[in-house]
PDB file of N, CA and C in Angstrom:
ATOM      1  N   MET A   1     151.963 124.848  59.296  1.00  0.00           N
ATOM      2  CA  MET A   1     150.882 123.554  58.888  1.00  0.00           C
ATOM      3  C   MET A   1     150.260 123.560  60.343  1.00  0.00           C
ATOM      4  N   ASN A   2     149.050 122.743  60.855  1.00  0.00           N
ATOM      5  CA  ASN A   2     148.846 122.449  61.633  1.00  0.00           C
ATOM      6  C   ASN A   2     148.837 120.938  61.828  1.00  0.00           C
ATOM      7  N   ASP A   3     148.616 120.463  63.179  1.00  0.00           N
ATOM      8  CA  ASP A   3     149.197 119.372  63.813  1.00  0.00           C
ATOM      9  C   ASP A   3     147.865 117.938  63.009  1.00  0.00           C
ATOM     10  N   LYS A   4     146.375 118.861  62.731  1.00  0.00           N
ATOM     11  CA  LYS A   4     145.637 117.364  61.616  1.00  0.00           C
ATOM     12  C   LYS A   4     146.450 117.502  60.721  1.00  0.00           C
ATOM     13  N   ALA A   5     146.705 118.669  59.811  1.00  0.00           N
ATOM     14  CA  ALA A   5     147.258 118.280  58.354  1.00  0.00           C
ATOM     15  C   ALA A   5     148.803 117.060  58.813  1.00  0.00           C
ATOM     16  N   ASP A   6     149.327 117.319  59.315  1.00  0.00           N
ATOM     17  CA  ASP A   6     150.470 116.958  60.015  1.00  0.00           C
ATOM     18  C   ASP A   6     150.815 115.086  60.184  1.00  0.00           C
ATOM     19  N   GLY A   7     149.416 115.392  60.779  1.00  0.00           N
ATOM     20  CA  GLY A   7     148.734 113.504  61.546  1.00  0.00           C
ATOM     21  C   GLY A   7     148.489 112.871  59.974  1.00  0.00           C
ATOM     22  N   ALA A   8     147.735 113.621  58.950  1.00  0.00           N
ATOM     23  CA  ALA A   8     146.730 112.765  57.906  1.00  0.00           C
ATOM     24  C   ALA A   8     148.188 112.545  56.754  1.00  0.00           C
ATOM     25  N   ASN A   9     149.166 113.564  56.690  1.00  0.00           N
ATOM     26  CA  ASN A   9     150.629 113.714  55.167  1.00  0.00           C
ATOM     27  C   ASN A   9     150.800 112.124  56.180  1.00  0.00           C
ATOM     28  N   ASN A  10     151.329 112.225  57.171  1.00  0.00           N
ATOM     29  CA  ASN A  10     152.124 111.102  58.287  1.00  0.00           C
ATOM     30  C   ASN A  10     151.581 109.646  57.806  1.00  0.00           C
ATOM     31  N   GLU A  11     149.851 109.847  57.626  1.00  0.00           N
ATOM     32  CA  GLU A  11     149.139 108.718  57.808  1.00  0.00           C
ATOM     33  C   GLU A  11     149.502 108.551  56.009  1.00  0.00           C
ATOM     34  N   LEU A  12     149.397 109.193  55.160  1.00  0.00           N
ATOM     35  CA  LEU A  12     149.763 109.254  53.729  1.00  0.00           C
ATOM     36  C   LEU A  12     150.944 108.480  53.906  1.00  0.00           C
ATOM     37  N   ALA A  13     151.657 108.612  54.124  1.00  0.00           N
ATOM     38  CA  ALA A  13     153.468 108.629  53.531  1.00  0.00           C
ATOM     39  C   ALA A  13     152.711 107.209  54.108  1.00  0.00           C
ATOM     40  N   LEU A  14     152.565 106.480  55.580  1.00  0.00           N
ATOM     41  CA  LEU A  14     152.861 105.307  56.387  1.00  0.00           C
ATOM     42  C   LEU A  14     152.291 104.541  55.230  1.00  0.00           C
ATOM     43  N   LEU A  15     150.937 104.817  54.978  1.00  0.00           N
ATOM     44  CA  LEU A  15     150.253 103.689  54.299  1.00  0.00           C
ATOM     45  C   LEU A  15     150.941 103.728  52.821  1.00  0.00           C
ATOM     46  N   LYS A  16     151.210 104.784  52.354  1.00  0.00           N
ATOM     47  CA  LYS A  16     152.576 104.640  50.973  1.00  0.00           C
ATOM     48  C   LYS A  16     153.246 103.438  50.780  1.00  0.00           C
ATOM     49  N   ALA A  17     154.259 103.412  52.155  1.00  0.00           N
ATOM     50  CA  ALA A  17     155.312 102.848  52.669  1.00  0.00           C
ATOM     51  C   ALA A  17     155.131 101.157  53.290  1.00  0.00           C
ATOM     52  N   PHE A  18     154.133 100.992  53.882  1.00  0.00           N
ATOM     53  CA  PHE A  18     153.133 100.077  54.084  1.00  0.00           C
ATOM     54  C   PHE A  18     152.743  99.132  52.789  1.00  0.00           C
ATOM     55  N   ARG A  19     152.422  99.787  51.381  1.00  0.00           N
ATOM     56  CA  ARG A  19     152.022  99.289  50.589  1.00  0.00           C
ATOM     57  C   ARG A  19     153.197  98.616  49.559  1.00  0.00           C
ATOM     58  N   ALA A  20     154.343  99.373  49.786  1.00  0.00           N
ATOM     59  CA  ALA A  20     155.776  99.369  48.581  1.00  0.00           C
ATOM     60  C   ALA A  20     156.503  98.711  50.130  1.00  0.00           C
ATOM     61  N   GLY A  21     155.936  98.331  51.059  1.00  0.00           N
ATOM     62  CA  GLY A  21     156.758  96.793  52.050  1.00  0.00           C
ATOM     63  C   GLY A  21     156.437  95.383  51.288  1.00  0.00           C
ATOM     64  N   MET A  22     155.003  95.940  51.376  1.00  0.00           N
ATOM     65  CA  MET A  22     153.908  94.213  50.867  1.00  0.00           C
ATOM     66  C   MET A  22     154.245  94.303  49.585  1.00  0.00           C
ATOM     67  N   ILE A  23     154.789  95.184  48.404  1.00  0.00           N
ATOM     68  CA  ILE A  23     154.754  94.753  47.427  1.00  0.00           C
ATOM     69  C   ILE A  23     156.421  93.691  47.145  1.00  0.00           C
ATOM     70  N   LYS A  24     157.155  94.845  47.628  1.00  0.00           N
ATOM     71  CA  LYS A  24     158.220  94.533  48.027  1.00  0.00           C
ATOM     72  C   LYS A  24     157.889  92.627  48.373  1.00  0.00           C
ATOM     73  N   ARG A  25     157.200  92.287  49.872  1.00  0.00           N
ATOM     74  CA  ARG A  25     157.415  91.222  50.603  1.00  0.00           C
ATOM     75  C   ARG A  25     156.864  89.977  49.309  1.00  0.00           C
ATOM     76  N   HIS A  26     155.750  90.724  47.942  1.00  0.00           N
ATOM     77  CA  HIS A  26     155.080  89.571  47.488  1.00  0.00           C
ATOM     78  C   HIS A  26     156.615  89.058  46.454  1.00  0.00           C
ATOM     79  N   PHE A  27     156.945  90.569  45.879  1.00  0.00           N
ATOM     80  CA  PHE A  27     157.825  89.652  44.803  1.00  0.00           C
ATOM     81  C   PHE A  27     159.179  88.708  45.430  1.00  0.00           C
ATOM     82  N   GLY A  28     160.048  89.291  46.281  1.00  0.00           N
ATOM     83  CA  GLY A  28     160.042  88.506  47.342  1.00  0.00           C
ATOM     84  C   GLY A  28     160.201  87.117  47.069  1.00  0.00           C
ATOM     85  N   ILE A  29     158.062  86.908  47.498  1.00  0.00           N
ATOM     86  CA  ILE A  29     158.584  85.455  47.901  1.00  0.00           C
ATOM     87  C   ILE A  29     158.457  84.825  46.121  1.00  0.00           C
ATOM     88  N   TYR A  30     157.620  85.851  44.804  1.00  0.00           N
ATOM     89  CA  TYR A  30     157.742  85.549  44.240  1.00  0.00           C
ATOM     90  C   TYR A  30     158.718  85.312  43.246  1.00  0.00           C
ATOM     91  N   ILE A  31     160.317  86.273  43.684  1.00  0.00           N
ATOM     92  CA  ILE A  31     161.460  85.629  43.266  1.00  0.00           C
ATOM     93  C   ILE A  31     162.324  84.730  43.766  1.00  0.00           C
ATOM     94  N   ASP A  32     162.070  83.636  44.975  1.00  0.00           N
ATOM     95  CA  ASP A  32     162.305  82.989  46.199  1.00  0.00           C
ATOM     96  C   ASP A  32     163.694  83.745  46.621  1.00  0.00           C
ATOM     97  N   SER A  33     163.152  84.538  47.089  1.00  0.00           N
ATOM     98  CA  SER A  33     164.069  85.793  47.802  1.00  0.00           C
ATOM     99  C   SER A  33     163.825  86.183  49.000  1.00  0.00           C
ATOM    100  N   PRO A  34     165.110  84.921  50.050  1.00  0.00           N
ATOM    101  CA  PRO A  34     164.338  85.121  51.196  1.00  0.00           C
ATOM    102  C   PRO A  34     164.263  86.944  51.712  1.00  0.00           C
ATOM    103  N   GLY A  35     165.371  87.408  51.547  1.00  0.00           N
ATOM    104  CA  GLY A  35     166.055  89.090  52.000  1.00  0.00           C
ATOM    105  C   GLY A  35     165.172  89.473  51.353  1.00  0.00           C
ATOM    106  N   VAL A  36     165.054  89.677  50.162  1.00  0.00           N
ATOM    107  CA  VAL A  36     163.881  90.930  49.583  1.00  0.00           C
ATOM    108  C   VAL A  36     161.934  90.637  50.123  1.00  0.00           C
ATOM    109  N   THR A  37     162.106  89.118  50.466  1.00  0.00           N
ATOM    110  CA  THR A  37     160.640  88.713  51.765  1.00  0.00           C
ATOM    111  C   THR A  37     161.371  89.921  52.954  1.00  0.00           C
ATOM    112  N   GLU A  38     161.955  89.409  53.362  1.00  0.00           N
ATOM    113  CA  GLU A  38     162.184  90.254  54.690  1.00  0.00           C
ATOM    114  C   GLU A  38     162.410  91.337  54.786  1.00  0.00           C
ATOM    115  N   GLN A  39     163.005  91.668  53.818  1.00  0.00           N
ATOM    116  CA  GLN A  39     162.796  93.892  53.784  1.00  0.00           C
ATOM    117  C   GLN A  39     161.416  94.559  53.894  1.00  0.00           C
ATOM    118  N   GLY A  40     160.743  93.670  52.685  1.00  0.00           N
ATOM    119  CA  GLY A  40     159.733  93.751  52.671  1.00  0.00           C
ATOM    120  C   GLY A  40     158.867  94.090  54.270  1.00  0.00           C
ATOM    121  N   LEU A  41     159.184  93.113  54.364  1.00  0.00           N
ATOM    122  CA  LEU A  41     158.114  92.461  56.109  1.00  0.00           C
ATOM    123  C   LEU A  41     158.013  93.597  56.920  1.00  0.00           C
ATOM    124  N   ASP A  42     159.566  93.907  56.738  1.00  0.00           N
ATOM    125  CA  ASP A  42     160.101  94.783  57.937  1.00  0.00           C
ATOM    126  C   ASP A  42     159.286  96.074  58.006  1.00  0.00           C
ATOM    127  N   GLU A  43     159.542  96.859  56.004  1.00  0.00           N
ATOM    128  CA  GLU A  43     159.136  98.345  55.755  1.00  0.00           C
ATOM    129  C   GLU A  43     157.771  97.901  56.134  1.00  0.00           C
ATOM    130  N   ALA A  44     156.982  96.753  55.879  1.00  0.00           N
ATOM    131  CA  ALA A  44     155.464  97.153  55.982  1.00  0.00           C
ATOM    132  C   ALA A  44     155.228  97.309  58.050  1.00  0.00           C
ATOM    133  N   GLU A  45     156.239  96.161  58.408  1.00  0.00           N
ATOM    134  CA  GLU A  45     155.630  96.582  60.114  1.00  0.00           C
ATOM    135  C   GLU A  45     156.425  97.664  60.991  1.00  0.00           C
ATOM    136  N   LEU A  46     157.318  98.203  60.059  1.00  0.00           N
ATOM    137  CA  LEU A  46     157.664  99.504  60.556  1.00  0.00           C
ATOM    138  C   LEU A  46     156.757 100.545  60.232  1.00  0.00           C
ATOM    139  N   ALA A  47     156.051 100.838  59.160  1.00  0.00           N
ATOM    140  CA  ALA A  47     154.224 101.433  58.527  1.00  0.00           C
ATOM    141  C   ALA A  47     153.443 100.882  59.665  1.00  0.00           C
ATOM    142  N   ALA A  48     152.873  99.545  59.777  1.00  0.00           N
ATOM    143  CA  ALA A  48     152.091  99.126  60.780  1.00  0.00           C
ATOM    144  C   ALA A  48     152.053 100.272  61.930  1.00  0.00           C
ATOM    145  N   GLN A  49     153.690  99.238  62.499  1.00  0.00           N
ATOM    146  CA  GLN A  49     153.637 100.489  63.905  1.00  0.00           C
ATOM    147  C   GLN A  49     153.055 101.999  64.090  1.00  0.00           C
ATOM    148  N   GLY A  50     154.148 102.457  62.469  1.00  0.00           N
ATOM    149  CA  GLY A  50     154.007 103.922  62.827  1.00  0.00           C
ATOM    150  C   GLY A  50     151.919 104.369  62.701  1.00  0.00           C
ATOM    151  N   LEU A  51     151.564 103.764  62.672  1.00  0.00           N
ATOM    152  CA  LEU A  51     150.233 104.072  62.451  1.00  0.00           C
ATOM    153  C   LEU A  51     149.453 103.905  63.413  1.00  0.00           C
ATOM    154  N   LYS A  52     150.079 102.543  64.372  1.00  0.00           N
ATOM    155  CA  LYS A  52     149.240 102.631  66.081  1.00  0.00           C
ATOM    156  C   LYS A  52     149.551 103.489  66.365  1.00  0.00           C
ATOM    157  N   ALA A  53     151.153 104.298  65.629  1.00  0.00           N
ATOM    158  CA  ALA A  53     151.679 104.792  67.000  1.00  0.00           C
ATOM    159  C   ALA A  53     150.562 106.615  66.636  1.00  0.00           C
ATOM    160  N   LEU A  54     150.440 106.383  66.048  1.00  0.00           N
ATOM    161  CA  LEU A  54     149.315 108.107  65.119  1.00  0.00           C
ATOM    162  C   LEU A  54     148.174 108.011  66.520  1.00  0.00           C
ATOM    163  N   ARG A  55     147.465 106.834  66.658  1.00  0.00           N
ATOM    164  CA  ARG A  55     146.332 107.704  67.137  1.00  0.00           C
ATOM    165  C   ARG A  55     145.744 106.425  67.160  1.00  0.00           C
ATOM    166  N   PRO A  56     144.642 106.055  68.431  1.00  0.00           N
ATOM    167  CA  PRO A  56     143.625 104.705  69.011  1.00  0.00           C
ATOM    168  C   PRO A  56     143.380 103.966  67.119  1.00  0.00           C
ATOM    169  N   LYS A  57     143.261 102.992  67.575  1.00  0.00           N
ATOM    170  CA  LYS A  57     143.239 102.342  66.598  1.00  0.00           C
ATOM    171  C   LYS A  57     143.285 102.540  64.514  1.00  0.00           C
ATOM    172  N   GLY A  58     145.093 103.419  64.951  1.00  0.00           N
ATOM    173  CA  GLY A  58     145.807 103.505  63.804  1.00  0.00           C
ATOM    174  C   GLY A  58     145.671 102.985  62.965  1.00  0.00           C
ATOM    175  N   ILE A  59     145.312 101.501  62.822  1.00  0.00           N
ATOM    176  CA  ILE A  59     145.708 100.376  62.023  1.00  0.00           C
ATOM    177  C   ILE A  59     144.895 100.127  61.241  1.00  0.00           C
ATOM    178  N   HIS A  60     143.569 101.135  61.425  1.00  0.00           N
ATOM    179  CA  HIS A  60     142.331 101.065  60.997  1.00  0.00           C
ATOM    180  C   HIS A  60     142.776 101.449  59.584  1.00  0.00           C
ATOM    181  N   ALA A  61     143.267 102.096  59.360  1.00  0.00           N
ATOM    182  CA  ALA A  61     143.899 103.254  58.265  1.00  0.00           C
ATOM    183  C   ALA A  61     144.422 102.472  57.109  1.00  0.00           C
ATOM    184  N   LEU A  62     144.588 100.582  57.605  1.00  0.00           N
ATOM    185  CA  LEU A  62     145.071 100.622  56.289  1.00  0.00           C
ATOM    186  C   LEU A  62     143.603  99.393  55.322  1.00  0.00           C
ATOM    187  N   GLU A  63     142.981  99.570  55.942  1.00  0.00           N
ATOM    188  CA  GLU A  63     141.040  99.600  55.276  1.00  0.00           C
ATOM    189  C   GLU A  63     141.377  99.726  54.019  1.00  0.00           C
ATOM    190  N   PRO A  64     141.170 101.053  53.450  1.00  0.00           N
ATOM    191  CA  PRO A  64     141.202 100.847  52.101  1.00  0.00           C
ATOM    192  C   PRO A  64     142.266 100.068  50.959  1.00  0.00           C
ATOM    193  N   LEU A  65     143.550  99.452  51.566  1.00  0.00           N
ATOM    194  CA  LEU A  65     144.002  98.387  50.969  1.00  0.00           C
ATOM    195  C   LEU A  65     143.194  97.071  50.915  1.00  0.00           C
ATOM    196  N   LEU A  66     142.756  96.880  51.481  1.00  0.00           N
ATOM    197  CA  LEU A  66     141.781  95.746  50.988  1.00  0.00           C
ATOM    198  C   LEU A  66     141.027  95.702  49.762  1.00  0.00           C
ATOM    199  N   ASP A  67     141.485  96.590  49.191  1.00  0.00           N
ATOM    200  CA  ASP A  67     140.501  97.137  47.784  1.00  0.00           C
ATOM    201  C   ASP A  67     142.427  96.974  47.550  1.00  0.00           C
ATOM    202  N   ASP A  68     142.900  97.617  47.170  1.00  0.00           N
ATOM    203  CA  ASP A  68     143.789  97.662  46.512  1.00  0.00           C
ATOM    204  C   ASP A  68     144.518  96.869  45.091  1.00  0.00           C
ATOM    205  N   PRO A  69     144.848  97.352  43.934  1.00  0.00           N
ATOM    206  CA  PRO A  69     144.926  96.374  42.810  1.00  0.00           C
ATOM    207  C   PRO A  69     145.832  94.751  42.935  1.00  0.00           C
ATOM    208  N   ASP A  70     146.581  95.265  43.635  1.00  0.00           N
ATOM    209  CA  ASP A  70     147.457  94.510  43.904  1.00  0.00           C
ATOM    210  C   ASP A  70     147.342  93.693  45.037  1.00  0.00           C
ATOM    211  N   PRO A  71     147.262  91.984  44.755  1.00  0.00           N
ATOM    212  CA  PRO A  71     146.810  90.427  45.546  1.00  0.00           C
ATOM    213  C   PRO A  71     148.153  90.573  46.894  1.00  0.00           C
ATOM    214  N   GLY A  72     149.276  91.275  46.258  1.00  0.00           N
ATOM    215  CA  GLY A  72     150.296  91.056  47.349  1.00  0.00           C
ATOM    216  C   GLY A  72     149.758  92.023  48.461  1.00  0.00           C
ATOM    217  N   VAL A  73     149.746  92.769  48.439  1.00  0.00           N
ATOM    218  CA  VAL A  73     148.821  94.310  49.364  1.00  0.00           C
ATOM    219  C   VAL A  73     147.750  93.843  50.066  1.00  0.00           C
ATOM    220  N   ARG A  74     146.866  93.413  48.671  1.00  0.00           N
ATOM    221  CA  ARG A  74     145.665  93.121  49.907  1.00  0.00           C
ATOM    222  C   ARG A  74     146.040  91.921  51.117  1.00  0.00           C
ATOM    223  N   SER A  75     146.163  91.395  50.530  1.00  0.00           N
ATOM    224  CA  SER A  75     146.776  90.058  51.931  1.00  0.00           C
ATOM    225  C   SER A  75     147.542  90.451  52.880  1.00  0.00           C
ATOM    226  N   GLY A  76     148.583  91.353  52.712  1.00  0.00           N
ATOM    227  CA  GLY A  76     148.649  91.827  54.214  1.00  0.00           C
ATOM    228  C   GLY A  76     147.801  92.703  54.541  1.00  0.00           C
ATOM    229  N   ALA A  77     147.308  93.701  54.293  1.00  0.00           N
ATOM    230  CA  ALA A  77     146.628  94.241  54.728  1.00  0.00           C
ATOM    231  C   ALA A  77     145.270  93.235  56.090  1.00  0.00           C
ATOM    232  N   GLY A  78     144.399  92.764  54.739  1.00  0.00           N
ATOM    233  CA  GLY A  78     144.110  91.779  55.801  1.00  0.00           C
ATOM    234  C   GLY A  78     144.199  91.160  56.657  1.00  0.00           C
ATOM    235  N   ASP A  79     146.346  90.513  56.389  1.00  0.00           N
ATOM    236  CA  ASP A  79     146.718  89.505  57.487  1.00  0.00           C
ATOM    237  C   ASP A  79     146.829  90.895  58.903  1.00  0.00           C
ATOM    238  N   TYR A  80     147.300  92.190  58.471  1.00  0.00           N
ATOM    239  CA  TYR A  80     147.240  92.663  59.385  1.00  0.00           C
ATOM    240  C   TYR A  80     146.053  93.257  60.209  1.00  0.00           C
ATOM    241  N   LEU A  81     144.869  93.371  59.912  1.00  0.00           N
ATOM    242  CA  LEU A  81     143.663  93.703  59.833  1.00  0.00           C
ATOM    243  C   LEU A  81     142.772  92.799  59.882  1.00  0.00           C
ATOM    244  N   MET A  82     143.042  91.623  60.235  1.00  0.00           N
ATOM    245  CA  MET A  82     141.812  89.966  60.145  1.00  0.00           C
ATOM    246  C   MET A  82     141.664  89.756  61.723  1.00  0.00           C
ATOM    247  N   HIS A  83     142.130  91.147  62.648  1.00  0.00           N
ATOM    248  CA  HIS A  83     142.019  91.175  64.133  1.00  0.00           C
ATOM    249  C   HIS A  83     140.785  92.244  64.765  1.00  0.00           C
ATOM    250  N   GLU A  84     140.893  92.825  64.330  1.00  0.00           N
ATOM    251  CA  GLU A  84     140.584  94.337  64.330  1.00  0.00           C
ATOM    252  C   GLU A  84     139.170  94.326  63.347  1.00  0.00           C
ATOM    253  N   LEU A  85     139.759  93.994  62.036  1.00  0.00           N
ATOM    254  CA  LEU A  85     138.158  94.398  61.427  1.00  0.00           C
ATOM    255  C   LEU A  85     137.326  93.242  60.597  1.00  0.00           C
ATOM    256  N   PRO A  86     137.831  91.920  61.289  1.00  0.00           N
ATOM    257  CA  PRO A  86     137.520  90.636  60.633  1.00  0.00           C
ATOM    258  C   PRO A  86     136.384  90.791  60.051  1.00  0.00           C
ATOM    259  N   GLY A  87     135.517  90.964  60.131  1.00  0.00           N
ATOM    260  CA  GLY A  87     134.152  91.319  58.370  1.00  0.00           C
ATOM    261  C   GLY A  87     134.822  91.769  57.779  1.00  0.00           C
ATOM    262  N   LYS A  88     135.324  92.203  58.045  1.00  0.00           N
ATOM    263  CA  LYS A  88     136.256  92.932  56.198  1.00  0.00           C
ATOM    264  C   LYS A  88     137.037  92.607  55.516  1.00  0.00           C
ATOM    265  N   ALA A  89     137.754  92.046  56.994  1.00  0.00           N
ATOM    266  CA  ALA A  89     140.002  91.347  56.396  1.00  0.00           C
ATOM    267  C   ALA A  89     140.106  89.596  56.137  1.00  0.00           C
ATOM    268  N   ILE A  90     138.871  88.968  56.947  1.00  0.00           N
ATOM    269  CA  ILE A  90     138.474  88.113  56.585  1.00  0.00           C
ATOM    270  C   ILE A  90     137.653  87.638  55.188  1.00  0.00           C
ATOM    271  N   PRO A  91     137.238  88.257  54.619  1.00  0.00           N
ATOM    272  CA  PRO A  91     136.771  87.511  53.241  1.00  0.00           C
ATOM    273  C   PRO A  91     137.786  87.881  51.993  1.00  0.00           C
ATOM    274  N   VAL A  92     138.420  88.955  52.117  1.00  0.00           N
ATOM    275  CA  VAL A  92     139.260  89.512  51.274  1.00  0.00           C
ATOM    276  C   VAL A  92     140.725  88.607  50.886  1.00  0.00           C
ATOM    277  N   LEU A  93     141.398  87.132  52.675  1.00  0.00           N
ATOM    278  CA  LEU A  93     141.976  86.969  53.126  1.00  0.00           C
ATOM    279  C   LEU A  93     141.387  85.330  52.025  1.00  0.00           C
ATOM    280  N   GLU A  94     139.863  85.145  52.709  1.00  0.00           N
ATOM    281  CA  GLU A  94     139.510  83.424  51.958  1.00  0.00           C
ATOM    282  C   GLU A  94     139.374  84.143  50.127  1.00  0.00           C
ATOM    283  N   ALA A  95     138.965  84.241  49.508  1.00  0.00           N
ATOM    284  CA  ALA A  95     139.465  85.035  48.175  1.00  0.00           C
ATOM    285  C   ALA A  95     140.292  84.861  48.176  1.00  0.00           C
ATOM    286  N   LEU A  96     141.406  85.758  48.446  1.00  0.00           N
ATOM    287  CA  LEU A  96     143.180  85.082  47.799  1.00  0.00           C
ATOM    288  C   LEU A  96     143.290  83.990  48.292  1.00  0.00           C
ATOM    289  N   GLY A  97     142.686  83.109  49.033  1.00  0.00           N
ATOM    290  CA  GLY A  97     143.353  81.803  49.379  1.00  0.00           C
ATOM    291  C   GLY A  97     143.158  80.707  48.491  1.00  0.00           C
ATOM    292  N   SER A  98     141.453  81.384  48.106  1.00  0.00           N
ATOM    293  CA  SER A  98     141.234  80.310  47.055  1.00  0.00           C
ATOM    294  C   SER A  98     141.862  81.107  44.932  1.00  0.00           C
ATOM    295  N   SER A  99     142.915  82.378  45.679  1.00  0.00           N
ATOM    296  CA  SER A  99     142.528  82.490  43.535  1.00  0.00           C
ATOM    297  C   SER A  99     144.011  81.816  43.221  1.00  0.00           C
ATOM    298  N   ALA A 100     144.393  81.676  41.862  1.00  0.00           N
ATOM    299  CA  ALA A 100     145.025  81.378  41.482  1.00  0.00           C
ATOM    300  C   ALA A 100     146.267  82.458  41.575  1.00  0.00           C
ATOM    301  N   GLU A 101     146.331  83.457  42.317  1.00  0.00           N
ATOM    302  CA  GLU A 101     147.473  84.135  42.614  1.00  0.00           C
ATOM    303  C   GLU A 101     148.537  83.642  43.682  1.00  0.00           C
ATOM    304  N   LEU A 102     149.691  82.297  43.195  1.00  0.00           N
ATOM    305  CA  LEU A 102     150.195  81.509  43.964  1.00  0.00           C
ATOM    306  C   LEU A 102     150.852  82.520  45.649  1.00  0.00           C
ATOM    307  N   GLU A 103     151.450  83.504  45.340  1.00  0.00           N
ATOM    308  CA  GLU A 103     152.542  83.694  46.102  1.00  0.00           C
ATOM    309  C   GLU A 103     150.940  84.953  47.270  1.00  0.00           C
ATOM    310  N   ALA A 104     149.890  85.448  46.727  1.00  0.00           N
ATOM    311  CA  ALA A 104     149.386  86.481  47.314  1.00  0.00           C
ATOM    312  C   ALA A 104     147.943  84.965  48.196  1.00  0.00           C
ATOM    313  N   SER A 105     147.737  83.675  47.432  1.00  0.00           N
ATOM    314  CA  SER A 105     147.109  82.645  47.974  1.00  0.00           C
ATOM    315  C   SER A 105     147.925  81.720  49.208  1.00  0.00           C
ATOM    316  N   GLN A 106     148.909  82.320  49.155  1.00  0.00           N
ATOM    317  CA  GLN A 106     149.784  80.969  50.051  1.00  0.00           C
ATOM    318  C   GLN A 106     150.017  82.178  51.126  1.00  0.00           C
ATOM    319  N   THR A 107     150.181  83.011  51.206  1.00  0.00           N
ATOM    320  CA  THR A 107     150.422  84.112  52.759  1.00  0.00           C
ATOM    321  C   THR A 107     149.124  84.758  53.130  1.00  0.00           C
ATOM    322  N   ALA A 108     148.133  84.608  51.938  1.00  0.00           N
ATOM    323  CA  ALA A 108     146.436  84.148  52.978  1.00  0.00           C
ATOM    324  C   ALA A 108     145.971  83.501  53.998  1.00  0.00           C
ATOM    325  N   ARG A 109     146.253  82.149  53.113  1.00  0.00           N
ATOM    326  CA  ARG A 109     145.862  80.617  53.290  1.00  0.00           C
ATOM    327  C   ARG A 109     146.571  80.916  55.492  1.00  0.00           C
ATOM    328  N   VAL A 110     147.816  81.357  55.206  1.00  0.00           N
ATOM    329  CA  VAL A 110     148.949  81.348  56.109  1.00  0.00           C
ATOM    330  C   VAL A 110     148.341  82.231  57.548  1.00  0.00           C
ATOM    331  N   ALA A 111     148.204  83.110  57.504  1.00  0.00           N
ATOM    332  CA  ALA A 111     147.236  84.571  57.927  1.00  0.00           C
ATOM    333  C   ALA A 111     145.944  83.920  58.425  1.00  0.00           C
ATOM    334  N   LEU A 112     145.229  83.321  57.350  1.00  0.00           N
ATOM    335  CA  LEU A 112     143.786  82.333  58.139  1.00  0.00           C
ATOM    336  C   LEU A 112     144.116  81.187  58.903  1.00  0.00           C
ATOM    337  N   TRP A 113     145.250  80.605  58.940  1.00  0.00           N
ATOM    338  CA  TRP A 113     145.207  79.302  59.370  1.00  0.00           C
ATOM    339  C   TRP A 113     145.737  79.818  61.301  1.00  0.00           C
ATOM    340  N   PHE A 114     146.488  81.292  61.090  1.00  0.00           N
ATOM    341  CA  PHE A 114     146.399  81.930  62.663  1.00  0.00           C
ATOM    342  C   PHE A 114     145.329  82.510  62.843  1.00  0.00           C
ATOM    343  N   TYR A 115     144.767  83.245  62.165  1.00  0.00           N
ATOM    344  CA  TYR A 115     143.632  83.577  62.251  1.00  0.00           C
ATOM    345  C   TYR A 115     142.561  82.635  63.191  1.00  0.00           C
ATOM    346  N   HIS A 116     142.632  81.274  62.352  1.00  0.00           N
ATOM    347  CA  HIS A 116     141.294  80.529  62.951  1.00  0.00           C
ATOM    348  C   HIS A 116     142.246  79.337  64.293  1.00  0.00           C
ATOM    349  N   ARG A 117     143.375  79.811  63.985  1.00  0.00           N
ATOM    350  CA  ARG A 117     144.355  78.648  65.444  1.00  0.00           C
ATOM    351  C   ARG A 117     143.789  79.888  66.614  1.00  0.00           C
ATOM    352  N   ASP A 118     144.257  81.595  66.528  1.00  0.00           N
ATOM    353  CA  ASP A 118     144.279  81.680  67.853  1.00  0.00           C
ATOM    354  C   ASP A 118     142.927  82.473  67.831  1.00  0.00           C
ATOM    355  N   LYS A 119     142.003  81.849  67.037  1.00  0.00           N
ATOM    356  CA  LYS A 119     140.372  82.187  67.805  1.00  0.00           C
ATOM    357  C   LYS A 119     140.100  80.709  68.248  1.00  0.00           C
ATOM    358  N   SER A 120     140.858  79.888  67.836  1.00  0.00           N
ATOM    359  CA  SER A 120     140.607  78.492  68.779  1.00  0.00           C
ATOM    360  C   SER A 120     141.453  78.749  70.168  1.00  0.00           C
ATOM    361  N   ILE A 121     141.969  79.285  70.523  1.00  0.00           N
ATOM    362  CA  ILE A 121     142.992  79.218  71.529  1.00  0.00           C
ATOM    363  C   ILE A 121     142.243  80.060  72.438  1.00  0.00           C
ATOM    364  N   ASN A 122     141.416  81.559  71.998  1.00  0.00           N
ATOM    365  CA  ASN A 122     141.539  82.458  73.486  1.00  0.00           C
ATOM    366  C   ASN A 122     139.686  81.782  73.191  1.00  0.00           C
TER     367      ASN A 122
END
């Protein structure tokens, strides 16, 4: 297999790992389990770091997850992309922040708070 195919396979595996981690985080918040929540965040962070290491702007590979059917995945992708692709990520986070989906709404509002705080500092 060539390097390009290996990179695509690695990227797909990392996207799946990120998605699985965000689903676990979302579930951990839902069942009020800090351990499950942290485990999900750790798994997603490892996947995000792997994407960043694959290529410049590798984190942009998360962009399709902004349309994921799972609100926890959309919230996580938005959080990771809000500084890289604000025109795409911020509207997703804003929509989730005002949704009835409690866990995703909470994480989206926190991400937006940090985004606006960081913008005002810089």
